[in-house]
Amino acid sequence: MGKVEWSNEAREDLEEFYLQYCEFSEKFAQKWADDIFEVIHLLEKNPRLGRIVPELQVQSIREMIIGKYRLLYQIGKDDNIEILTIRHSSMPLNY
């Protein structure tokens, strides 16, 4: 099982979206965050579960779709994972 680390950008993304959702519904915000962490738990066991990011076409950079969000991550040595960013699907990637 690989180790999961978060980039600063990904931590900020998670917090920003969570706080936005809290303005409307704390229950929905918690459900959204739970969904994110559930996917990360799956990735710990199977890092290649996500698809290669179409815009980048780099084998080690993958994504999981969670509702309207894209969770981008990079697979490193020993199948360790770095969560790179969380983006709404309508937002362009800045990579």
N, C-alpha and C. Protein backbone atom coordinates (compact mmCIF):
# COMPACT_ATOMS: atom_id res chain seq x y z
N MET A 1 0.85 -1.18 0.00
CA MET A 1 0.00 0.00 0.00
C MET A 1 0.89 1.24 0.00
N GLY A 2 0.60 2.15 -0.91
CA GLY A 2 1.40 3.37 -1.02
C GLY A 2 1.01 4.41 0.02
N LYS A 3 1.90 5.34 0.19
CA LYS A 3 1.70 6.46 1.11
C LYS A 3 1.07 7.61 0.32
N VAL A 4 0.18 8.35 0.96
CA VAL A 4 -0.48 9.48 0.30
C VAL A 4 0.01 10.78 0.93
N GLU A 5 0.43 11.70 0.09
CA GLU A 5 0.81 13.05 0.53
C GLU A 5 -0.02 14.06 -0.25
N TRP A 6 -0.21 15.20 0.33
CA TRP A 6 -0.98 16.28 -0.31
C TRP A 6 -0.06 17.45 -0.63
N SER A 7 -0.19 17.98 -1.84
CA SER A 7 0.51 19.22 -2.17
C SER A 7 -0.20 20.36 -1.44
N ASN A 8 0.49 21.47 -1.28
CA ASN A 8 -0.14 22.64 -0.66
C ASN A 8 -1.36 23.08 -1.46
N GLU A 9 -1.23 23.05 -2.78
CA GLU A 9 -2.35 23.46 -3.64
C GLU A 9 -3.57 22.58 -3.41
N ALA A 10 -3.36 21.27 -3.31
CA ALA A 10 -4.48 20.35 -3.11
C ALA A 10 -5.15 20.59 -1.76
N ARG A 11 -4.36 20.85 -0.73
CA ARG A 11 -4.93 21.15 0.59
C ARG A 11 -5.79 22.41 0.53
N GLU A 12 -5.28 23.42 -0.16
CA GLU A 12 -6.02 24.67 -0.30
C GLU A 12 -7.31 24.46 -1.10
N ASP A 13 -7.22 23.65 -2.16
CA ASP A 13 -8.42 23.35 -2.96
C ASP A 13 -9.48 22.68 -2.11
N LEU A 14 -9.08 21.67 -1.34
CA LEU A 14 -10.02 20.94 -0.49
C LEU A 14 -10.70 21.89 0.48
N GLU A 15 -9.91 22.71 1.14
CA GLU A 15 -10.46 23.65 2.12
C GLU A 15 -11.39 24.67 1.45
N GLU A 16 -10.97 25.19 0.32
CA GLU A 16 -11.77 26.20 -0.38
C GLU A 16 -13.14 25.65 -0.78
N PHE A 17 -13.15 24.49 -1.43
CA PHE A 17 -14.43 23.91 -1.86
C PHE A 17 -15.29 23.52 -0.66
N TYR A 18 -14.66 22.97 0.37
CA TYR A 18 -15.40 22.58 1.56
C TYR A 18 -16.09 23.80 2.19
N LEU A 19 -15.34 24.87 2.34
CA LEU A 19 -15.92 26.08 2.95
C LEU A 19 -17.02 26.68 2.08
N GLN A 20 -16.85 26.63 0.77
CA GLN A 20 -17.92 27.11 -0.12
C GLN A 20 -19.20 26.31 0.08
N TYR A 21 -19.07 24.99 0.16
CA TYR A 21 -20.24 24.14 0.37
C TYR A 21 -20.85 24.35 1.75
N CYS A 22 -20.03 24.63 2.75
CA CYS A 22 -20.54 24.86 4.11
C CYS A 22 -21.47 26.07 4.17
N GLU A 23 -21.26 27.03 3.28
CA GLU A 23 -22.13 28.21 3.26
C GLU A 23 -23.57 27.82 2.94
N PHE A 24 -23.73 26.74 2.21
CA PHE A 24 -25.07 26.30 1.81
C PHE A 24 -25.57 25.14 2.68
N SER A 25 -24.67 24.19 2.98
CA SER A 25 -25.07 23.01 3.75
C SER A 25 -23.84 22.30 4.32
N GLU A 26 -23.74 22.30 5.64
CA GLU A 26 -22.62 21.60 6.26
C GLU A 26 -22.72 20.10 6.00
N LYS A 27 -23.92 19.59 5.95
CA LYS A 27 -24.12 18.17 5.70
C LYS A 27 -23.61 17.80 4.30
N PHE A 28 -23.94 18.63 3.31
CA PHE A 28 -23.47 18.36 1.95
C PHE A 28 -21.96 18.50 1.86
N ALA A 29 -21.41 19.51 2.53
CA ALA A 29 -19.95 19.71 2.52
C ALA A 29 -19.24 18.50 3.11
N GLN A 30 -19.78 17.97 4.20
CA GLN A 30 -19.16 16.79 4.82
C GLN A 30 -19.27 15.58 3.90
N LYS A 31 -20.39 15.40 3.24
CA LYS A 31 -20.57 14.29 2.30
C LYS A 31 -19.57 14.40 1.15
N TRP A 32 -19.39 15.61 0.63
CA TRP A 32 -18.45 15.85 -0.46
C TRP A 32 -17.03 15.48 0.00
N ALA A 33 -16.63 15.94 1.18
CA ALA A 33 -15.29 15.64 1.70
C ALA A 33 -15.13 14.14 1.94
N ASP A 34 -16.17 13.50 2.47
CA ASP A 34 -16.12 12.05 2.68
C ASP A 34 -15.91 11.31 1.37
N ASP A 35 -16.57 11.77 0.31
CA ASP A 35 -16.40 11.15 -1.01
C ASP A 35 -14.95 11.28 -1.49
N ILE A 36 -14.36 12.44 -1.28
CA ILE A 36 -12.96 12.65 -1.66
C ILE A 36 -12.06 11.67 -0.92
N PHE A 37 -12.24 11.56 0.38
CA PHE A 37 -11.37 10.68 1.17
C PHE A 37 -11.63 9.20 0.89
N GLU A 38 -12.84 8.87 0.52
CA GLU A 38 -13.13 7.49 0.13
C GLU A 38 -12.34 7.10 -1.13
N VAL A 39 -12.29 8.01 -2.09
CA VAL A 39 -11.52 7.76 -3.32
C VAL A 39 -10.03 7.66 -3.00
N ILE A 40 -9.54 8.51 -2.14
CA ILE A 40 -8.13 8.46 -1.77
C ILE A 40 -7.80 7.13 -1.09
N HIS A 41 -8.71 6.65 -0.28
CA HIS A 41 -8.51 5.35 0.36
C HIS A 41 -8.40 4.24 -0.70
N LEU A 42 -9.22 4.32 -1.74
CA LEU A 42 -9.13 3.35 -2.84
C LEU A 42 -7.79 3.46 -3.56
N LEU A 43 -7.31 4.67 -3.74
CA LEU A 43 -6.04 4.88 -4.43
C LEU A 43 -4.86 4.35 -3.63
N GLU A 44 -4.96 4.38 -2.32
CA GLU A 44 -3.88 3.83 -1.49
C GLU A 44 -3.66 2.35 -1.83
N LYS A 45 -4.74 1.65 -2.11
CA LYS A 45 -4.66 0.23 -2.41
C LYS A 45 -4.37 -0.05 -3.89
N ASN A 46 -4.79 0.86 -4.76
CA ASN A 46 -4.64 0.66 -6.20
C ASN A 46 -4.36 2.00 -6.88
N PRO A 47 -3.11 2.47 -6.85
CA PRO A 47 -2.78 3.80 -7.37
C PRO A 47 -3.06 4.01 -8.85
N ARG A 48 -3.11 2.94 -9.62
CA ARG A 48 -3.34 3.07 -11.06
C ARG A 48 -4.82 2.98 -11.42
N LEU A 49 -5.67 3.10 -10.42
CA LEU A 49 -7.12 3.04 -10.64
C LEU A 49 -7.60 4.19 -11.52
N GLY A 50 -7.03 5.36 -11.35
CA GLY A 50 -7.46 6.54 -12.12
C GLY A 50 -6.96 6.50 -13.55
N ARG A 51 -7.61 7.30 -14.37
CA ARG A 51 -7.19 7.37 -15.77
C ARG A 51 -6.07 8.40 -15.94
N ILE A 52 -5.31 8.24 -17.00
CA ILE A 52 -4.29 9.22 -17.35
C ILE A 52 -5.00 10.51 -17.73
N VAL A 53 -4.50 11.63 -17.25
CA VAL A 53 -5.13 12.92 -17.53
C VAL A 53 -5.03 13.21 -19.03
N PRO A 54 -6.18 13.32 -19.73
CA PRO A 54 -6.15 13.48 -21.19
C PRO A 54 -5.33 14.67 -21.68
N GLU A 55 -5.39 15.79 -20.96
CA GLU A 55 -4.67 16.99 -21.40
C GLU A 55 -3.17 16.85 -21.28
N LEU A 56 -2.70 15.96 -20.41
CA LEU A 56 -1.28 15.86 -20.13
C LEU A 56 -0.61 14.65 -20.77
N GLN A 57 -1.32 13.54 -20.83
CA GLN A 57 -0.79 12.30 -21.40
C GLN A 57 0.54 11.89 -20.77
N VAL A 58 0.61 11.96 -19.44
CA VAL A 58 1.78 11.53 -18.68
C VAL A 58 1.34 10.32 -17.84
N GLN A 59 2.04 9.20 -18.00
CA GLN A 59 1.65 7.96 -17.33
C GLN A 59 1.50 8.10 -15.82
N SER A 60 2.35 8.88 -15.19
CA SER A 60 2.36 8.96 -13.73
C SER A 60 1.36 9.96 -13.17
N ILE A 61 0.75 10.78 -14.02
CA ILE A 61 -0.23 11.76 -13.54
C ILE A 61 -1.62 11.29 -13.96
N ARG A 62 -2.45 11.04 -12.95
CA ARG A 62 -3.76 10.45 -13.19
C ARG A 62 -4.83 11.26 -12.48
N GLU A 63 -6.08 10.89 -12.77
CA GLU A 63 -7.18 11.58 -12.13
C GLU A 63 -8.31 10.63 -11.82
N MET A 64 -9.06 11.01 -10.81
CA MET A 64 -10.31 10.35 -10.47
C MET A 64 -11.40 11.40 -10.54
N ILE A 65 -12.52 11.04 -11.09
CA ILE A 65 -13.66 11.95 -11.20
C ILE A 65 -14.57 11.67 -10.01
N ILE A 66 -14.88 12.73 -9.28
CA ILE A 66 -15.75 12.62 -8.10
C ILE A 66 -16.84 13.67 -8.29
N GLY A 67 -17.99 13.22 -8.75
CA GLY A 67 -19.06 14.17 -9.06
C GLY A 67 -18.61 15.10 -10.16
N LYS A 68 -18.61 16.39 -9.88
CA LYS A 68 -18.19 17.39 -10.86
C LYS A 68 -16.73 17.80 -10.68
N TYR A 69 -15.99 17.02 -9.89
CA TYR A 69 -14.61 17.39 -9.56
C TYR A 69 -13.62 16.38 -10.09
N ARG A 70 -12.44 16.88 -10.39
CA ARG A 70 -11.32 16.06 -10.85
C ARG A 70 -10.24 16.11 -9.77
N LEU A 71 -9.89 14.96 -9.25
CA LEU A 71 -8.82 14.85 -8.28
C LEU A 71 -7.60 14.35 -9.04
N LEU A 72 -6.60 15.21 -9.19
CA LEU A 72 -5.38 14.85 -9.91
C LEU A 72 -4.31 14.42 -8.93
N TYR A 73 -3.62 13.35 -9.28
CA TYR A 73 -2.57 12.84 -8.42
C TYR A 73 -1.43 12.29 -9.26
N GLN A 74 -0.28 12.17 -8.61
CA GLN A 74 0.90 11.63 -9.29
C GLN A 74 1.37 10.40 -8.54
N ILE A 75 1.69 9.36 -9.31
CA ILE A 75 2.21 8.13 -8.74
C ILE A 75 3.73 8.23 -8.74
N GLY A 76 4.32 8.02 -7.57
CA GLY A 76 5.77 8.10 -7.44
C GLY A 76 6.38 6.74 -7.13
N LYS A 77 7.57 6.79 -6.55
CA LYS A 77 8.27 5.56 -6.18
C LYS A 77 7.45 4.75 -5.18
N ASP A 78 7.56 3.44 -5.30
CA ASP A 78 6.88 2.51 -4.39
C ASP A 78 5.37 2.74 -4.35
N ASP A 79 4.82 3.23 -5.46
CA ASP A 79 3.39 3.51 -5.57
C ASP A 79 2.88 4.54 -4.57
N ASN A 80 3.79 5.40 -4.09
CA ASN A 80 3.34 6.52 -3.27
C ASN A 80 2.57 7.49 -4.15
N ILE A 81 1.63 8.19 -3.54
CA ILE A 81 0.76 9.10 -4.28
C ILE A 81 0.88 10.50 -3.72
N GLU A 82 0.95 11.47 -4.62
CA GLU A 82 0.84 12.87 -4.20
C GLU A 82 -0.42 13.44 -4.83
N ILE A 83 -1.32 13.92 -3.98
CA ILE A 83 -2.52 14.59 -4.47
C ILE A 83 -2.06 15.97 -4.94
N LEU A 84 -2.27 16.24 -6.23
CA LEU A 84 -1.76 17.48 -6.82
C LEU A 84 -2.76 18.63 -6.72
N THR A 85 -4.03 18.36 -7.04
CA THR A 85 -5.04 19.40 -7.05
C THR A 85 -6.42 18.78 -7.13
N ILE A 86 -7.41 19.58 -6.76
CA ILE A 86 -8.81 19.22 -6.96
C ILE A 86 -9.41 20.36 -7.77
N ARG A 87 -9.98 20.03 -8.89
CA ARG A 87 -10.53 21.05 -9.80
C ARG A 87 -11.97 20.73 -10.15
N HIS A 88 -12.79 21.77 -10.19
CA HIS A 88 -14.13 21.60 -10.75
C HIS A 88 -13.94 21.31 -12.22
N SER A 89 -14.76 20.45 -12.76
CA SER A 89 -14.56 20.03 -14.15
C SER A 89 -14.68 21.17 -15.15
N SER A 90 -15.31 22.28 -14.75
CA SER A 90 -15.41 23.42 -15.66
C SER A 90 -14.17 24.31 -15.64
N MET A 91 -13.25 24.05 -14.70
CA MET A 91 -12.04 24.87 -14.58
C MET A 91 -10.90 24.27 -15.41
N PRO A 92 -10.12 25.09 -16.06
CA PRO A 92 -8.98 24.55 -16.82
C PRO A 92 -7.86 24.12 -15.87
N LEU A 93 -7.07 23.19 -16.38
CA LEU A 93 -5.89 22.77 -15.60
C LEU A 93 -4.78 23.77 -15.81
N ASN A 94 -4.01 24.02 -14.76
CA ASN A 94 -2.89 24.97 -14.84
C ASN A 94 -1.57 24.24 -14.75
N TYR A 95 -1.45 23.11 -15.46
CA TYR A 95 -0.21 22.34 -15.42
C TYR A 95 0.45 22.34 -16.76
